[in-house]
Amino acid sequence: MARELICVCCPMGCRISADNSGGSWNFSGYTCKRGLEYASQEVAHPSRVLTASIPLSNRSVPVSVKSASPLPKELLISAMRQILSLKVEAPVSIGQVLLKDVCGTGISLIATSDVL
């Protein structure tokens, strides 16, 4: 099975070919070590940093949030359900942990803005 990936590690956006027709993954088209690491991770177990905004119970302005580390891609929908069920009140400070363990991953959800 062959896959085409576009590396997101730097502005070059290398087009990486990933092929496992021989039983193990072979990569071509990357120009740096980060590209190879990205492609290897993406075919083995893709993950994404999750960004969102959530309402505050005592303000009309939501707070923007993100996962502190990439979450497994297959958990993103479940993570959003968990995040949207949070009851958060202002004030919220940038960097504040709003949820310590998103979907049992051990990854925190942090605020990316201040809301007074």
PDB file of N, CA and C in Angstrom:
ATOM      1  N   MET A   1       0.836  -1.171   0.000  1.00  0.00           N
ATOM      2  CA  MET A   1       0.000   0.000   0.000  1.00  0.00           C
ATOM      3  C   MET A   1       0.888   1.244   0.000  1.00  0.00           C
ATOM      4  N   ALA A   2       0.597   2.176  -0.862  1.00  0.00           N
ATOM      5  CA  ALA A   2       1.355   3.416  -0.943  1.00  0.00           C
ATOM      6  C   ALA A   2       0.501   4.575  -0.444  1.00  0.00           C
ATOM      7  N   ARG A   3       1.146   5.543   0.183  1.00  0.00           N
ATOM      8  CA  ARG A   3       0.473   6.753   0.657  1.00  0.00           C
ATOM      9  C   ARG A   3       1.322   7.952   0.293  1.00  0.00           C
ATOM     10  N   GLU A   4       0.664   9.038   0.005  1.00  0.00           N
ATOM     11  CA  GLU A   4       1.344  10.302  -0.241  1.00  0.00           C
ATOM     12  C   GLU A   4       1.038  11.232   0.923  1.00  0.00           C
ATOM     13  N   LEU A   5       2.065  11.842   1.481  1.00  0.00           N
ATOM     14  CA  LEU A   5       1.919  12.743   2.618  1.00  0.00           C
ATOM     15  C   LEU A   5       2.560  14.080   2.279  1.00  0.00           C
ATOM     16  N   ILE A   6       2.053  15.128   2.864  1.00  0.00           N
ATOM     17  CA  ILE A   6       2.714  16.423   2.787  1.00  0.00           C
ATOM     18  C   ILE A   6       3.187  16.752   4.188  1.00  0.00           C
ATOM     19  N   CYS A   7       4.478  16.901   4.334  1.00  0.00           N
ATOM     20  CA  CYS A   7       5.068  17.158   5.644  1.00  0.00           C
ATOM     21  C   CYS A   7       4.648  18.539   6.145  1.00  0.00           C
ATOM     22  N   VAL A   8       4.309  18.625   7.422  1.00  0.00           N
ATOM     23  CA  VAL A   8       3.887  19.875   8.037  1.00  0.00           C
ATOM     24  C   VAL A   8       4.895  20.384   9.073  1.00  0.00           C
ATOM     25  N   CYS A   9       6.096  19.828   9.064  1.00  0.00           N
ATOM     26  CA  CYS A   9       7.084  20.188  10.079  1.00  0.00           C
ATOM     27  C   CYS A   9       7.787  21.512   9.813  1.00  0.00           C
ATOM     28  N   CYS A  10       7.819  21.942   8.571  1.00  0.00           N
ATOM     29  CA  CYS A  10       8.459  23.215   8.246  1.00  0.00           C
ATOM     30  C   CYS A  10       7.803  23.791   6.996  1.00  0.00           C
ATOM     31  N   PRO A  11       8.157  24.993   6.596  1.00  0.00           N
ATOM     32  CA  PRO A  11       7.512  25.622   5.436  1.00  0.00           C
ATOM     33  C   PRO A  11       7.791  24.956   4.089  1.00  0.00           C
ATOM     34  N   MET A  12       8.737  24.038   4.016  1.00  0.00           N
ATOM     35  CA  MET A  12       9.052  23.405   2.730  1.00  0.00           C
ATOM     36  C   MET A  12       7.906  22.540   2.218  1.00  0.00           C
ATOM     37  N   GLY A  13       7.156  21.912   3.093  1.00  0.00           N
ATOM     38  CA  GLY A  13       6.003  21.106   2.690  1.00  0.00           C
ATOM     39  C   GLY A  13       6.380  19.964   1.759  1.00  0.00           C
ATOM     40  N   CYS A  14       7.403  19.223   2.117  1.00  0.00           N
ATOM     41  CA  CYS A  14       7.870  18.112   1.266  1.00  0.00           C
ATOM     42  C   CYS A  14       6.757  17.115   0.988  1.00  0.00           C
ATOM     43  N   ARG A  15       6.714  16.630  -0.230  1.00  0.00           N
ATOM     44  CA  ARG A  15       5.783  15.564  -0.606  1.00  0.00           C
ATOM     45  C   ARG A  15       6.506  14.249  -0.380  1.00  0.00           C
ATOM     46  N   ILE A  16       6.020  13.520   0.606  1.00  0.00           N
ATOM     47  CA  ILE A  16       6.680  12.277   1.012  1.00  0.00           C
ATOM     48  C   ILE A  16       5.848  11.097   0.530  1.00  0.00           C
ATOM     49  N   SER A  17       6.516  10.167  -0.125  1.00  0.00           N
ATOM     50  CA  SER A  17       5.880   8.920  -0.544  1.00  0.00           C
ATOM     51  C   SER A  17       6.184   7.863   0.502  1.00  0.00           C
ATOM     52  N   ALA A  18       5.149   7.167   0.939  1.00  0.00           N
ATOM     53  CA  ALA A  18       5.292   6.087   1.916  1.00  0.00           C
ATOM     54  C   ALA A  18       4.756   4.817   1.266  1.00  0.00           C
ATOM     55  N   ASP A  19       5.582   3.792   1.247  1.00  0.00           N
ATOM     56  CA  ASP A  19       5.197   2.545   0.581  1.00  0.00           C
ATOM     57  C   ASP A  19       5.557   1.372   1.482  1.00  0.00           C
ATOM     58  N   ASN A  20       4.611   0.481   1.709  1.00  0.00           N
ATOM     59  CA  ASN A  20       4.905  -0.714   2.505  1.00  0.00           C
ATOM     60  C   ASN A  20       4.633  -1.988   1.721  1.00  0.00           C
ATOM     61  N   SER A  21       4.775  -1.939   0.420  1.00  0.00           N
ATOM     62  CA  SER A  21       4.504  -3.120  -0.410  1.00  0.00           C
ATOM     63  C   SER A  21       5.480  -4.267  -0.106  1.00  0.00           C
ATOM     64  N   GLY A  22       6.624  -3.960   0.463  1.00  0.00           N
ATOM     65  CA  GLY A  22       7.584  -5.003   0.822  1.00  0.00           C
ATOM     66  C   GLY A  22       7.433  -5.501   2.243  1.00  0.00           C
ATOM     67  N   GLY A  23       6.402  -5.053   2.937  1.00  0.00           N
ATOM     68  CA  GLY A  23       6.174  -5.510   4.313  1.00  0.00           C
ATOM     69  C   GLY A  23       6.629  -4.529   5.366  1.00  0.00           C
ATOM     70  N   SER A  24       7.500  -3.602   5.021  1.00  0.00           N
ATOM     71  CA  SER A  24       7.898  -2.546   5.949  1.00  0.00           C
ATOM     72  C   SER A  24       7.816  -1.215   5.207  1.00  0.00           C
ATOM     73  N   TRP A  25       7.655  -0.144   5.948  1.00  0.00           N
ATOM     74  CA  TRP A  25       7.486   1.160   5.323  1.00  0.00           C
ATOM     75  C   TRP A  25       8.814   1.695   4.786  1.00  0.00           C
ATOM     76  N   ASN A  26       8.785   2.180   3.572  1.00  0.00           N
ATOM     77  CA  ASN A  26       9.910   2.872   2.953  1.00  0.00           C
ATOM     78  C   ASN A  26       9.433   4.266   2.577  1.00  0.00           C
ATOM     79  N   PHE A  27      10.258   5.273   2.835  1.00  0.00           N
ATOM     80  CA  PHE A  27       9.877   6.660   2.621  1.00  0.00           C
ATOM     81  C   PHE A  27      10.833   7.323   1.640  1.00  0.00           C
ATOM     82  N   SER A  28      10.292   8.196   0.808  1.00  0.00           N
ATOM     83  CA  SER A  28      11.109   8.992  -0.094  1.00  0.00           C
ATOM     84  C   SER A  28      10.472  10.368  -0.249  1.00  0.00           C
ATOM     85  N   GLY A  29      11.277  11.336  -0.624  1.00  0.00           N
ATOM     86  CA  GLY A  29      10.775  12.680  -0.855  1.00  0.00           C
ATOM     87  C   GLY A  29      10.992  13.643   0.293  1.00  0.00           C
ATOM     88  N   TYR A  30      11.422  13.176   1.446  1.00  0.00           N
ATOM     89  CA  TYR A  30      11.679  14.069   2.566  1.00  0.00           C
ATOM     90  C   TYR A  30      13.084  14.650   2.417  1.00  0.00           C
ATOM     91  N   THR A  31      13.267  15.851   2.962  1.00  0.00           N
ATOM     92  CA  THR A  31      14.578  16.491   2.836  1.00  0.00           C
ATOM     93  C   THR A  31      15.305  16.644   4.160  1.00  0.00           C
ATOM     94  N   CYS A  32      14.646  16.268   5.255  1.00  0.00           N
ATOM     95  CA  CYS A  32      15.324  16.359   6.555  1.00  0.00           C
ATOM     96  C   CYS A  32      14.830  15.243   7.474  1.00  0.00           C
ATOM     97  N   LYS A  33      15.524  15.099   8.581  1.00  0.00           N
ATOM     98  CA  LYS A  33      15.192  14.064   9.557  1.00  0.00           C
ATOM     99  C   LYS A  33      13.784  14.254  10.127  1.00  0.00           C
ATOM    100  N   ARG A  34      13.375  15.509  10.312  1.00  0.00           N
ATOM    101  CA  ARG A  34      12.033  15.769  10.849  1.00  0.00           C
ATOM    102  C   ARG A  34      10.955  15.245   9.910  1.00  0.00           C
ATOM    103  N   GLY A  35      11.183  15.362   8.602  1.00  0.00           N
ATOM    104  CA  GLY A  35      10.225  14.852   7.625  1.00  0.00           C
ATOM    105  C   GLY A  35      10.085  13.345   7.711  1.00  0.00           C
ATOM    106  N   LEU A  36      11.202  12.660   7.862  1.00  0.00           N
ATOM    107  CA  LEU A  36      11.172  11.207   8.003  1.00  0.00           C
ATOM    108  C   LEU A  36      10.441  10.812   9.280  1.00  0.00           C
ATOM    109  N   GLU A  37      10.724  11.511  10.379  1.00  0.00           N
ATOM    110  CA  GLU A  37      10.045  11.216  11.647  1.00  0.00           C
ATOM    111  C   GLU A  37       8.546  11.480  11.538  1.00  0.00           C
ATOM    112  N   TYR A  38       8.174  12.575  10.892  1.00  0.00           N
ATOM    113  CA  TYR A  38       6.757  12.897  10.705  1.00  0.00           C
ATOM    114  C   TYR A  38       6.058  11.793   9.922  1.00  0.00           C
ATOM    115  N   ALA A  39       6.632  11.400   8.791  1.00  0.00           N
ATOM    116  CA  ALA A  39       6.013  10.375   7.942  1.00  0.00           C
ATOM    117  C   ALA A  39       5.903   9.045   8.687  1.00  0.00           C
ATOM    118  N   SER A  40       6.930   8.672   9.416  1.00  0.00           N
ATOM    119  CA  SER A  40       6.912   7.421  10.179  1.00  0.00           C
ATOM    120  C   SER A  40       5.791   7.434  11.214  1.00  0.00           C
ATOM    121  N   GLN A  41       5.654   8.543  11.923  1.00  0.00           N
ATOM    122  CA  GLN A  41       4.598   8.684  12.934  1.00  0.00           C
ATOM    123  C   GLN A  41       3.222   8.676  12.270  1.00  0.00           C
ATOM    124  N   GLU A  42       3.097   9.371  11.147  1.00  0.00           N
ATOM    125  CA  GLU A  42       1.800   9.522  10.498  1.00  0.00           C
ATOM    126  C   GLU A  42       1.262   8.187   9.987  1.00  0.00           C
ATOM    127  N   VAL A  43       2.103   7.322   9.475  1.00  0.00           N
ATOM    128  CA  VAL A  43       1.605   6.032   8.984  1.00  0.00           C
ATOM    129  C   VAL A  43       1.403   5.033  10.116  1.00  0.00           C
ATOM    130  N   ALA A  44       2.166   5.162  11.203  1.00  0.00           N
ATOM    131  CA  ALA A  44       2.053   4.223  12.317  1.00  0.00           C
ATOM    132  C   ALA A  44       0.882   4.565  13.235  1.00  0.00           C
ATOM    133  N   HIS A  45       0.803   5.825  13.632  1.00  0.00           N
ATOM    134  CA  HIS A  45      -0.234   6.232  14.584  1.00  0.00           C
ATOM    135  C   HIS A  45      -0.421   7.739  14.493  1.00  0.00           C
ATOM    136  N   PRO A  46      -1.282   8.204  13.593  1.00  0.00           N
ATOM    137  CA  PRO A  46      -1.451   9.647  13.416  1.00  0.00           C
ATOM    138  C   PRO A  46      -2.037  10.320  14.651  1.00  0.00           C
ATOM    139  N   SER A  47      -1.561  11.532  14.895  1.00  0.00           N
ATOM    140  CA  SER A  47      -2.050  12.308  16.030  1.00  0.00           C
ATOM    141  C   SER A  47      -2.123  13.779  15.631  1.00  0.00           C
ATOM    142  N   ARG A  48      -2.923  14.534  16.358  1.00  0.00           N
ATOM    143  CA  ARG A  48      -3.142  15.942  16.056  1.00  0.00           C
ATOM    144  C   ARG A  48      -3.274  16.728  17.349  1.00  0.00           C
ATOM    145  N   VAL A  49      -2.771  17.969  17.333  1.00  0.00           N
ATOM    146  CA  VAL A  49      -3.067  18.900  18.413  1.00  0.00           C
ATOM    147  C   VAL A  49      -4.505  19.348  18.179  1.00  0.00           C
ATOM    148  N   LEU A  50      -5.319  19.266  19.204  1.00  0.00           N
ATOM    149  CA  LEU A  50      -6.727  19.624  19.108  1.00  0.00           C
ATOM    150  C   LEU A  50      -6.904  21.063  19.585  1.00  0.00           C
ATOM    151  N   THR A  51      -7.507  21.895  18.749  1.00  0.00           N
ATOM    152  CA  THR A  51      -7.814  23.265  19.129  1.00  0.00           C
ATOM    153  C   THR A  51      -9.320  23.465  19.079  1.00  0.00           C
ATOM    154  N   ALA A  52      -9.809  24.300  19.976  1.00  0.00           N
ATOM    155  CA  ALA A  52     -11.253  24.553  20.038  1.00  0.00           C
ATOM    156  C   ALA A  52     -11.483  25.831  20.832  1.00  0.00           C
ATOM    157  N   SER A  53     -12.715  26.231  20.907  1.00  0.00           N
ATOM    158  CA  SER A  53     -13.115  27.278  21.852  1.00  0.00           C
ATOM    159  C   SER A  53     -14.318  26.737  22.611  1.00  0.00           C
ATOM    160  N   ILE A  54     -14.363  27.045  23.890  1.00  0.00           N
ATOM    161  CA  ILE A  54     -15.451  26.528  24.715  1.00  0.00           C
ATOM    162  C   ILE A  54     -16.143  27.688  25.421  1.00  0.00           C
ATOM    163  N   PRO A  55     -17.439  27.556  25.594  1.00  0.00           N
ATOM    164  CA  PRO A  55     -18.174  28.631  26.267  1.00  0.00           C
ATOM    165  C   PRO A  55     -17.826  28.686  27.751  1.00  0.00           C
ATOM    166  N   LEU A  56     -17.916  29.875  28.289  1.00  0.00           N
ATOM    167  CA  LEU A  56     -17.758  30.072  29.723  1.00  0.00           C
ATOM    168  C   LEU A  56     -19.139  30.309  30.317  1.00  0.00           C
ATOM    169  N   SER A  57     -19.379  29.716  31.466  1.00  0.00           N
ATOM    170  CA  SER A  57     -20.721  29.789  32.042  1.00  0.00           C
ATOM    171  C   SER A  57     -21.086  31.186  32.525  1.00  0.00           C
ATOM    172  N   ASN A  58     -20.100  32.050  32.757  1.00  0.00           N
ATOM    173  CA  ASN A  58     -20.396  33.381  33.290  1.00  0.00           C
ATOM    174  C   ASN A  58     -19.915  34.520  32.379  1.00  0.00           C
ATOM    175  N   ARG A  59     -19.662  34.224  31.115  1.00  0.00           N
ATOM    176  CA  ARG A  59     -19.251  35.249  30.154  1.00  0.00           C
ATOM    177  C   ARG A  59     -19.872  34.933  28.796  1.00  0.00           C
ATOM    178  N   SER A  60     -20.014  35.954  27.964  1.00  0.00           N
ATOM    179  CA  SER A  60     -20.527  35.728  26.605  1.00  0.00           C
ATOM    180  C   SER A  60     -19.397  35.401  25.638  1.00  0.00           C
ATOM    181  N   VAL A  61     -18.153  35.617  26.065  1.00  0.00           N
ATOM    182  CA  VAL A  61     -16.983  35.347  25.231  1.00  0.00           C
ATOM    183  C   VAL A  61     -16.442  33.959  25.561  1.00  0.00           C
ATOM    184  N   PRO A  62     -16.191  33.115  24.565  1.00  0.00           N
ATOM    185  CA  PRO A  62     -15.616  31.797  24.849  1.00  0.00           C
ATOM    186  C   PRO A  62     -14.118  31.904  25.124  1.00  0.00           C
ATOM    187  N   VAL A  63     -13.542  30.824  25.595  1.00  0.00           N
ATOM    188  CA  VAL A  63     -12.097  30.753  25.784  1.00  0.00           C
ATOM    189  C   VAL A  63     -11.534  29.766  24.761  1.00  0.00           C
ATOM    190  N   SER A  64     -10.415  30.132  24.147  1.00  0.00           N
ATOM    191  CA  SER A  64      -9.767  29.223  23.206  1.00  0.00           C
ATOM    192  C   SER A  64      -8.882  28.253  23.982  1.00  0.00           C
ATOM    193  N   VAL A  65      -8.835  27.020  23.510  1.00  0.00           N
ATOM    194  CA  VAL A  65      -8.096  25.951  24.188  1.00  0.00           C
ATOM    195  C   VAL A  65      -7.352  25.100  23.171  1.00  0.00           C
ATOM    196  N   LYS A  66      -6.378  24.333  23.662  1.00  0.00           N
ATOM    197  CA  LYS A  66      -5.694  23.353  22.826  1.00  0.00           C
ATOM    198  C   LYS A  66      -5.181  22.226  23.708  1.00  0.00           C
ATOM    199  N   SER A  67      -4.948  21.089  23.067  1.00  0.00           N
ATOM    200  CA  SER A  67      -4.333  19.986  23.801  1.00  0.00           C
ATOM    201  C   SER A  67      -2.849  20.309  23.961  1.00  0.00           C
ATOM    202  N   ALA A  68      -2.289  19.960  25.107  1.00  0.00           N
ATOM    203  CA  ALA A  68      -0.889  20.266  25.388  1.00  0.00           C
ATOM    204  C   ALA A  68       0.063  19.487  24.486  1.00  0.00           C
ATOM    205  N   SER A  69      -0.396  18.363  23.976  1.00  0.00           N
ATOM    206  CA  SER A  69       0.376  17.510  23.066  1.00  0.00           C
ATOM    207  C   SER A  69      -0.598  16.940  22.043  1.00  0.00           C
ATOM    208  N   PRO A  70      -0.083  16.388  20.965  1.00  0.00           N
ATOM    209  CA  PRO A  70      -0.992  15.762  19.998  1.00  0.00           C
ATOM    210  C   PRO A  70      -1.757  14.591  20.611  1.00  0.00           C
ATOM    211  N   LEU A  71      -3.025  14.495  20.251  1.00  0.00           N
ATOM    212  CA  LEU A  71      -3.885  13.385  20.673  1.00  0.00           C
ATOM    213  C   LEU A  71      -3.996  12.379  19.540  1.00  0.00           C
ATOM    214  N   PRO A  72      -4.159  11.096  19.853  1.00  0.00           N
ATOM    215  CA  PRO A  72      -4.396  10.122  18.791  1.00  0.00           C
ATOM    216  C   PRO A  72      -5.595  10.541  17.941  1.00  0.00           C
ATOM    217  N   LYS A  73      -5.426  10.475  16.640  1.00  0.00           N
ATOM    218  CA  LYS A  73      -6.458  10.959  15.722  1.00  0.00           C
ATOM    219  C   LYS A  73      -7.805  10.289  15.947  1.00  0.00           C
ATOM    220  N   GLU A  74      -7.803   9.021  16.317  1.00  0.00           N
ATOM    221  CA  GLU A  74      -9.060   8.303  16.502  1.00  0.00           C
ATOM    222  C   GLU A  74      -9.834   8.768  17.741  1.00  0.00           C
ATOM    223  N   LEU A  75      -9.195   9.553  18.607  1.00  0.00           N
ATOM    224  CA  LEU A  75      -9.875  10.049  19.813  1.00  0.00           C
ATOM    225  C   LEU A  75     -10.387  11.473  19.681  1.00  0.00           C
ATOM    226  N   LEU A  76     -10.192  12.121  18.546  1.00  0.00           N
ATOM    227  CA  LEU A  76     -10.538  13.536  18.432  1.00  0.00           C
ATOM    228  C   LEU A  76     -12.022  13.814  18.651  1.00  0.00           C
ATOM    229  N   ILE A  77     -12.900  12.999  18.098  1.00  0.00           N
ATOM    230  CA  ILE A  77     -14.339  13.218  18.287  1.00  0.00           C
ATOM    231  C   ILE A  77     -14.718  13.026  19.756  1.00  0.00           C
ATOM    232  N   SER A  78     -14.224  11.971  20.371  1.00  0.00           N
ATOM    233  CA  SER A  78     -14.502  11.735  21.796  1.00  0.00           C
ATOM    234  C   SER A  78     -13.937  12.858  22.650  1.00  0.00           C
ATOM    235  N   ALA A  79     -12.764  13.336  22.294  1.00  0.00           N
ATOM    236  CA  ALA A  79     -12.149  14.436  23.040  1.00  0.00           C
ATOM    237  C   ALA A  79     -13.002  15.698  22.938  1.00  0.00           C
ATOM    238  N   MET A  80     -13.524  15.992  21.755  1.00  0.00           N
ATOM    239  CA  MET A  80     -14.381  17.175  21.596  1.00  0.00           C
ATOM    240  C   MET A  80     -15.650  17.032  22.429  1.00  0.00           C
ATOM    241  N   ARG A  81     -16.218  15.849  22.465  1.00  0.00           N
ATOM    242  CA  ARG A  81     -17.421  15.643  23.306  1.00  0.00           C
ATOM    243  C   ARG A  81     -17.101  15.915  24.776  1.00  0.00           C
ATOM    244  N   GLN A  82     -15.951  15.413  25.214  1.00  0.00           N
ATOM    245  CA  GLN A  82     -15.555  15.616  26.605  1.00  0.00           C
ATOM    246  C   GLN A  82     -15.295  17.102  26.872  1.00  0.00           C
ATOM    247  N   ILE A  83     -14.632  17.768  25.963  1.00  0.00           N
ATOM    248  CA  ILE A  83     -14.305  19.177  26.127  1.00  0.00           C
ATOM    249  C   ILE A  83     -15.575  20.027  26.167  1.00  0.00           C
ATOM    250  N   LEU A  84     -16.512  19.740  25.281  1.00  0.00           N
ATOM    251  CA  LEU A  84     -17.741  20.532  25.235  1.00  0.00           C
ATOM    252  C   LEU A  84     -18.640  20.308  26.440  1.00  0.00           C
ATOM    253  N   SER A  85     -18.406  19.251  27.198  1.00  0.00           N
ATOM    254  CA  SER A  85     -19.200  19.011  28.400  1.00  0.00           C
ATOM    255  C   SER A  85     -18.604  19.709  29.632  1.00  0.00           C
ATOM    256  N   LEU A  86     -17.448  20.338  29.482  1.00  0.00           N
ATOM    257  CA  LEU A  86     -16.814  21.030  30.608  1.00  0.00           C
ATOM    258  C   LEU A  86     -17.651  22.225  31.058  1.00  0.00           C
ATOM    259  N   LYS A  87     -17.644  22.473  32.339  1.00  0.00           N
ATOM    260  CA  LYS A  87     -18.261  23.668  32.913  1.00  0.00           C
ATOM    261  C   LYS A  87     -17.114  24.539  33.421  1.00  0.00           C
ATOM    262  N   VAL A  88     -16.825  25.607  32.694  1.00  0.00           N
ATOM    263  CA  VAL A  88     -15.700  26.477  33.020  1.00  0.00           C
ATOM    264  C   VAL A  88     -16.227  27.882  33.278  1.00  0.00           C
ATOM    265  N   GLU A  89     -15.673  28.521  34.302  1.00  0.00           N
ATOM    266  CA  GLU A  89     -16.039  29.899  34.636  1.00  0.00           C
ATOM    267  C   GLU A  89     -14.812  30.791  34.522  1.00  0.00           C
ATOM    268  N   ALA A  90     -15.050  32.035  34.108  1.00  0.00           N
ATOM    269  CA  ALA A  90     -13.989  33.041  34.104  1.00  0.00           C
ATOM    270  C   ALA A  90     -13.722  33.456  35.551  1.00  0.00           C
ATOM    271  N   PRO A  91     -12.551  33.912  35.878  1.00  0.00           N
ATOM    272  CA  PRO A  91     -11.459  34.213  34.961  1.00  0.00           C
ATOM    273  C   PRO A  91     -10.676  32.963  34.570  1.00  0.00           C
ATOM    274  N   VAL A  92     -10.124  33.026  33.359  1.00  0.00           N
ATOM    275  CA  VAL A  92      -9.270  31.966  32.836  1.00  0.00           C
ATOM    276  C   VAL A  92      -7.979  32.621  32.357  1.00  0.00           C
ATOM    277  N   SER A  93      -6.852  32.021  32.693  1.00  0.00           N
ATOM    278  CA  SER A  93      -5.558  32.568  32.302  1.00  0.00           C
ATOM    279  C   SER A  93      -4.909  31.703  31.236  1.00  0.00           C
ATOM    280  N   ILE A  94      -4.195  32.335  30.335  1.00  0.00           N
ATOM    281  CA  ILE A  94      -3.476  31.601  29.305  1.00  0.00           C
ATOM    282  C   ILE A  94      -2.547  30.587  29.974  1.00  0.00           C
ATOM    283  N   GLY A  95      -2.539  29.381  29.479  1.00  0.00           N
ATOM    284  CA  GLY A  95      -1.723  28.310  30.048  1.00  0.00           C
ATOM    285  C   GLY A  95      -2.405  27.525  31.156  1.00  0.00           C
ATOM    286  N   GLN A  96      -3.547  27.992  31.610  1.00  0.00           N
ATOM    287  CA  GLN A  96      -4.268  27.306  32.685  1.00  0.00           C
ATOM    288  C   GLN A  96      -4.772  25.943  32.209  1.00  0.00           C
ATOM    289  N   VAL A  97      -4.546  24.923  33.005  1.00  0.00           N
ATOM    290  CA  VAL A  97      -5.040  23.584  32.684  1.00  0.00           C
ATOM    291  C   VAL A  97      -6.527  23.541  33.013  1.00  0.00           C
ATOM    292  N   LEU A  98      -7.341  23.250  32.013  1.00  0.00           N
ATOM    293  CA  LEU A  98      -8.795  23.179  32.204  1.00  0.00           C
ATOM    294  C   LEU A  98      -9.282  21.738  32.330  1.00  0.00           C
ATOM    295  N   LEU A  99      -8.485  20.807  31.845  1.00  0.00           N
ATOM    296  CA  LEU A  99      -8.794  19.377  31.947  1.00  0.00           C
ATOM    297  C   LEU A  99      -7.460  18.649  31.973  1.00  0.00           C
ATOM    298  N   LYS A 100      -7.219  17.840  33.010  1.00  0.00           N
ATOM    299  CA  LYS A 100      -5.906  17.211  33.186  1.00  0.00           C
ATOM    300  C   LYS A 100      -5.688  15.964  32.348  1.00  0.00           C
ATOM    301  N   ASP A 101      -6.736  15.277  31.951  1.00  0.00           N
ATOM    302  CA  ASP A 101      -6.559  13.974  31.318  1.00  0.00           C
ATOM    303  C   ASP A 101      -7.616  13.780  30.230  1.00  0.00           C
ATOM    304  N   VAL A 102      -7.361  14.321  29.041  1.00  0.00           N
ATOM    305  CA  VAL A 102      -8.329  14.226  27.949  1.00  0.00           C
ATOM    306  C   VAL A 102      -8.447  12.767  27.505  1.00  0.00           C
ATOM    307  N   CYS A 103      -9.626  12.208  27.622  1.00  0.00           N
ATOM    308  CA  CYS A 103      -9.946  10.839  27.165  1.00  0.00           C
ATOM    309  C   CYS A 103      -8.975   9.781  27.672  1.00  0.00           C
ATOM    310  N   GLY A 104      -8.491   9.954  28.894  1.00  0.00           N
ATOM    311  CA  GLY A 104      -7.603   8.956  29.481  1.00  0.00           C
ATOM    312  C   GLY A 104      -6.220   8.897  28.865  1.00  0.00           C
ATOM    313  N   THR A 105      -5.816   9.941  28.137  1.00  0.00           N
ATOM    314  CA  THR A 105      -4.509   9.949  27.471  1.00  0.00           C
ATOM    315  C   THR A 105      -3.398  10.496  28.352  1.00  0.00           C
ATOM    316  N   GLY A 106      -3.765  11.183  29.442  1.00  0.00           N
ATOM    317  CA  GLY A 106      -2.767  11.853  30.268  1.00  0.00           C
ATOM    318  C   GLY A 106      -2.378  13.212  29.709  1.00  0.00           C
ATOM    319  N   ILE A 107      -2.998  13.617  28.611  1.00  0.00           N
ATOM    320  CA  ILE A 107      -2.706  14.895  27.962  1.00  0.00           C
ATOM    321  C   ILE A 107      -3.683  15.943  28.481  1.00  0.00           C
ATOM    322  N   SER A 108      -3.143  17.103  28.838  1.00  0.00           N
ATOM    323  CA  SER A 108      -3.971  18.180  29.395  1.00  0.00           C
ATOM    324  C   SER A 108      -4.564  19.053  28.300  1.00  0.00           C
ATOM    325  N   LEU A 109      -5.672  19.696  28.642  1.00  0.00           N
ATOM    326  CA  LEU A 109      -6.279  20.719  27.816  1.00  0.00           C
ATOM    327  C   LEU A 109      -5.959  22.051  28.469  1.00  0.00           C
ATOM    328  N   ILE A 110      -5.359  22.967  27.709  1.00  0.00           N
ATOM    329  CA  ILE A 110      -4.940  24.239  28.292  1.00  0.00           C
ATOM    330  C   ILE A 110      -5.588  25.420  27.574  1.00  0.00           C
ATOM    331  N   ALA A 111      -5.784  26.494  28.317  1.00  0.00           N
ATOM    332  CA  ALA A 111      -6.325  27.722  27.750  1.00  0.00           C
ATOM    333  C   ALA A 111      -5.245  28.403  26.934  1.00  0.00           C
ATOM    334  N   THR A 112      -5.649  28.965  25.790  1.00  0.00           N
ATOM    335  CA  THR A 112      -4.691  29.684  24.940  1.00  0.00           C
ATOM    336  C   THR A 112      -5.011  31.174  24.890  1.00  0.00           C
ATOM    337  N   SER A 113      -5.907  31.616  25.773  1.00  0.00           N
ATOM    338  CA  SER A 113      -6.215  33.035  25.876  1.00  0.00           C
ATOM    339  C   SER A 113      -6.627  33.355  27.298  1.00  0.00           C
ATOM    340  N   ASP A 114      -6.560  34.626  27.624  1.00  0.00           N
ATOM    341  CA  ASP A 114      -7.035  35.119  28.920  1.00  0.00           C
ATOM    342  C   ASP A 114      -8.471  35.593  28.764  1.00  0.00           C
ATOM    343  N   VAL A 115      -9.309  35.269  29.725  1.00  0.00           N
ATOM    344  CA  VAL A 115     -10.649  35.840  29.798  1.00  0.00           C
ATOM    345  C   VAL A 115     -10.846  36.274  31.251  1.00  0.00           C
ATOM    346  N   LEU A 116     -11.006  37.574  31.441  1.00  0.00           N
ATOM    347  CA  LEU A 116     -11.134  38.115  32.789  1.00  0.00           C
ATOM    348  C   LEU A 116     -12.543  37.997  33.308  1.00  0.00           C
TER     349      LEU A 116
END
